[in-house]
Amino acid sequence: MNRLLVASIVGGLALTVSTGTLATQNGEGKRKPPRCENKYECEASATFTLEGEIPCKCKFSLPDSAVIDVFKKQKGPGVRKVGEYSAECNTGNIWLKVRSENGALAHKSIADVYIPYEVGFGAETFAADHANGTPKEYIWNKGDGISAVTTTGGTQSVTLNSIGGGPRLAGEYSDTLTLTVSGLPLLPTP
C-alpha cells in the first residue's frame, strides 16, 4: 500500500510539472497572459484619422502679351485669331476670367467715345460693350462655384469676333484685356 501511495504522489507531481510546461509556449518559459475577469481591463483601442491635401498643379500656355491692331484689314471674312491658350490642371476643371479695363474700345483723345467689341475664348465669348468707360469683367462659372469650362487640356483659340458698327470717329482707340486661367475658382477683381 505504501508503494501505491508513493506511486500516486510521484504521478501527481509529474502531472503538475507537465501542466506547468504545457502552459508555456514551446517550453521557452513564456507564460500566457493572465485571464481577465473584466474584458475592459484587457483590451485597448485607438482611432486614427488619415488625411492630406494634394496641391493644385497646372500647366498653362497663354498668348503672348501684345498690341493688336483691331482695325487692321484681314484677309477674308470671319473672326481674327489673336492667339491660343491651353490649361491642364489636376483639379479636373479650369476657370476663365476676362477683364476689360475700359469696358470697350475707348477713344484716346475724345472723352466718352467707345466702340464695343466681342472676343472669343474657345467656345466662350465676352462682349466688351460698356458705353461709360467702366471696367467689365466676367468669370465663367455655373453660379455655384463650379467651373463652366469642364474640360482641361487641349488648345483653345483666342479670337477677335467682332467690332461694333455704326459711325466711328477717327482717332486711336484702346482697351486693355486680361485673361486669367486657373485650376481653382476665381473671384471678381475688387
Protein backbone atom coordinates (compact mmCIF):
# COMPACT_ATOMS: atom_id res chain seq x y z
CA MET A 1 0.00 0.00 0.00
CA ASN A 2 2.90 2.27 0.68
CA ARG A 3 4.04 1.67 -2.82
CA LEU A 4 0.68 2.67 -4.20
CA LEU A 5 0.72 5.85 -2.14
CA VAL A 6 4.25 6.74 -3.29
CA ALA A 7 3.30 6.00 -6.92
CA SER A 8 0.25 8.28 -6.63
CA ILE A 9 2.35 11.12 -5.19
CA VAL A 10 5.04 10.77 -7.89
CA GLY A 11 2.36 10.62 -10.62
CA GLY A 12 0.66 13.74 -9.23
CA LEU A 13 3.99 15.61 -9.16
CA ALA A 14 4.73 14.61 -12.73
CA LEU A 15 1.32 15.82 -13.87
CA THR A 16 1.82 19.16 -12.07
CA VAL A 17 5.25 19.68 -13.70
CA SER A 18 3.94 18.76 -17.19
CA THR A 19 0.92 21.11 -16.77
CA GLY A 20 3.32 23.98 -15.99
CA THR A 21 5.29 23.15 -19.12
CA LEU A 22 2.11 22.99 -21.23
CA ALA A 23 1.22 26.48 -20.02
CA THR A 24 4.34 27.85 -21.72
CA GLN A 25 4.79 28.39 -25.46
CA ASN A 26 7.16 25.82 -26.91
CA GLY A 27 8.52 25.25 -23.44
CA GLU A 28 10.55 28.51 -23.61
CA GLY A 29 9.28 29.87 -20.38
CA LYS A 30 6.91 32.48 -21.86
CA ARG A 31 3.69 32.36 -19.99
CA LYS A 32 0.23 33.05 -21.43
CA PRO A 33 -1.35 36.35 -20.37
CA PRO A 34 -3.47 36.09 -17.27
CA ARG A 35 -7.15 35.56 -17.66
CA CYS A 36 -9.11 38.80 -17.11
CA GLU A 37 -12.23 38.97 -15.05
CA ASN A 38 -13.40 42.23 -16.75
CA LYS A 39 -12.86 42.43 -20.56
CA TYR A 40 -12.26 46.22 -20.46
CA GLU A 41 -9.14 45.73 -18.37
CA CYS A 42 -7.67 43.50 -21.05
CA GLU A 43 -8.10 45.48 -24.24
CA ALA A 44 -7.36 48.95 -25.62
CA SER A 45 -8.11 50.71 -28.89
CA ALA A 46 -7.02 53.83 -30.78
CA THR A 47 -8.69 55.72 -33.61
CA PHE A 48 -6.64 57.29 -36.38
CA THR A 49 -7.71 59.94 -38.89
CA LEU A 50 -5.84 59.79 -42.15
CA GLU A 51 -5.90 62.96 -44.21
CA GLY A 52 -3.79 65.05 -46.52
CA GLU A 53 -4.06 67.56 -49.32
CA ILE A 54 -2.80 67.28 -52.86
CA PRO A 55 -1.96 70.78 -54.09
CA CYS A 56 -3.38 72.16 -57.31
CA LYS A 57 -0.91 71.82 -60.16
CA CYS A 58 -1.45 73.24 -63.62
CA LYS A 59 0.35 73.71 -66.90
CA PHE A 60 -0.61 76.85 -68.79
CA SER A 61 0.12 78.19 -72.21
CA LEU A 62 -1.20 81.71 -72.79
CA PRO A 63 -0.94 84.08 -75.74
CA ASP A 64 1.99 86.47 -75.64
CA SER A 65 1.18 89.93 -74.39
CA ALA A 66 0.93 92.06 -77.50
CA VAL A 67 -0.64 95.14 -79.01
CA ILE A 68 -3.23 94.00 -81.54
CA ASP A 69 -4.34 96.38 -84.26
CA VAL A 70 -8.09 95.73 -84.20
CA PHE A 71 -8.75 97.90 -87.28
CA LYS A 72 -6.09 96.28 -89.48
CA LYS A 73 -7.62 94.70 -92.54
CA GLN A 74 -7.52 90.95 -92.56
CA LYS A 75 -7.65 88.51 -95.43
CA GLY A 76 -11.11 87.06 -95.83
CA PRO A 77 -14.21 87.35 -93.68
CA GLY A 78 -14.72 85.96 -90.22
CA VAL A 79 -13.05 86.17 -86.87
CA ARG A 80 -9.45 87.18 -86.37
CA LYS A 81 -7.27 84.78 -84.42
CA VAL A 82 -5.35 86.63 -81.71
CA GLY A 83 -3.60 83.65 -80.10
CA GLU A 84 -4.14 80.39 -78.28
CA TYR A 85 -4.32 79.23 -74.70
CA SER A 86 -4.32 75.87 -73.00
CA ALA A 87 -4.62 74.71 -69.43
CA GLU A 88 -4.23 71.33 -67.83
CA CYS A 89 -4.90 71.05 -64.10
CA ASN A 90 -5.20 68.17 -61.66
CA THR A 91 -8.47 69.70 -60.38
CA GLY A 92 -10.40 68.44 -63.41
CA ASN A 93 -11.73 71.93 -64.19
CA ILE A 94 -10.42 75.27 -65.31
CA TRP A 95 -11.86 78.68 -64.61
CA LEU A 96 -11.62 81.61 -67.02
CA LYS A 97 -11.83 85.26 -66.12
CA VAL A 98 -11.59 88.13 -68.59
CA ARG A 99 -11.39 91.80 -67.68
CA SER A 100 -11.69 94.83 -69.95
CA GLU A 101 -10.23 97.95 -68.31
CA ASN A 102 -12.39 100.38 -70.35
CA GLY A 103 -15.37 98.10 -70.92
CA ALA A 104 -15.00 98.79 -74.67
CA LEU A 105 -12.52 100.36 -77.07
CA ALA A 106 -12.11 103.92 -75.75
CA HIS A 107 -11.09 106.86 -77.95
CA LYS A 108 -7.70 108.01 -76.67
CA SER A 109 -8.24 111.76 -77.15
CA ILE A 110 -12.03 112.29 -77.13
CA ALA A 111 -13.89 111.56 -73.90
CA ASP A 112 -16.95 109.32 -73.82
CA VAL A 113 -16.42 107.79 -77.28
CA TYR A 114 -16.49 103.98 -77.19
CA ILE A 115 -16.70 101.14 -79.68
CA PRO A 116 -17.97 97.75 -78.41
CA TYR A 117 -16.25 94.54 -79.41
CA GLU A 118 -16.51 90.80 -78.81
CA VAL A 119 -13.69 88.38 -78.06
CA GLY A 120 -13.85 84.56 -78.09
CA PHE A 121 -12.02 82.23 -75.74
CA GLY A 122 -12.58 78.78 -77.19
CA ALA A 123 -16.34 78.22 -77.06
CA GLU A 124 -16.86 81.15 -74.65
CA THR A 125 -17.45 84.76 -75.74
CA PHE A 126 -17.01 88.09 -73.97
CA ALA A 127 -18.72 91.28 -75.10
CA ALA A 128 -16.91 94.47 -74.09
CA ASP A 129 -19.90 96.71 -74.58
CA HIS A 130 -19.88 99.35 -71.83
CA ALA A 131 -20.56 102.86 -73.07
CA ASN A 132 -19.31 104.66 -69.97
CA GLY A 133 -15.64 103.69 -69.66
CA THR A 134 -16.07 101.45 -66.61
CA PRO A 135 -14.26 98.13 -66.43
CA LYS A 136 -16.15 94.98 -67.37
CA GLU A 137 -15.25 91.57 -66.07
CA TYR A 138 -16.68 88.11 -66.49
CA ILE A 139 -15.91 84.78 -64.81
CA TRP A 140 -17.28 81.69 -66.49
CA ASN A 141 -18.94 79.55 -63.82
CA LYS A 142 -22.31 77.98 -63.10
CA GLY A 143 -23.10 80.31 -60.21
CA ASP A 144 -22.33 77.71 -57.55
CA GLY A 145 -18.56 77.96 -57.74
CA ILE A 146 -18.32 75.15 -60.27
CA SER A 147 -16.39 75.88 -63.42
CA ALA A 148 -18.41 76.31 -66.60
CA VAL A 149 -15.41 75.07 -68.57
CA THR A 150 -15.32 71.42 -67.53
CA THR A 151 -12.57 70.19 -69.79
CA THR A 152 -8.87 70.58 -69.32
CA GLY A 153 -6.14 70.09 -71.82
CA GLY A 154 -6.25 70.90 -75.48
CA THR A 155 -5.59 74.21 -77.15
CA GLN A 156 -8.29 76.86 -77.43
CA SER A 157 -8.25 79.85 -79.75
CA VAL A 158 -8.46 83.46 -78.61
CA THR A 159 -10.29 85.40 -81.32
CA LEU A 160 -11.50 88.92 -82.04
CA ASN A 161 -15.02 88.06 -83.17
CA SER A 162 -16.44 91.48 -83.98
CA ILE A 163 -16.07 95.21 -83.58
CA GLY A 164 -19.19 97.32 -83.16
CA GLY A 165 -20.54 99.06 -86.22
CA GLY A 166 -22.06 102.47 -86.68
CA PRO A 167 -20.33 105.75 -87.23
CA ARG A 168 -16.80 105.82 -85.85
CA LEU A 169 -14.83 108.94 -85.09
CA ALA A 170 -11.32 108.99 -86.49
CA GLY A 171 -8.50 108.55 -83.99
CA GLU A 172 -6.80 105.96 -81.85
CA TYR A 173 -8.81 103.63 -79.64
CA SER A 174 -7.57 101.38 -76.87
CA ASP A 175 -8.56 98.85 -74.26
CA THR A 176 -6.56 96.50 -72.07
CA LEU A 177 -7.91 92.97 -71.89
CA THR A 178 -6.68 90.49 -69.26
CA LEU A 179 -7.33 86.74 -69.49
CA THR A 180 -6.85 84.74 -66.28
CA VAL A 181 -6.88 80.94 -66.38
CA SER A 182 -6.90 78.96 -63.14
CA GLY A 183 -7.30 75.44 -61.79
CA LEU A 184 -9.15 76.88 -58.78
CA PRO A 185 -12.25 79.08 -58.52
CA LEU A 186 -11.65 82.73 -59.38
CA LEU A 187 -13.07 85.75 -57.59
CA PRO A 188 -14.07 89.10 -59.07
CA THR A 189 -11.43 91.82 -59.08
CA PRO A 190 -12.17 94.30 -56.27
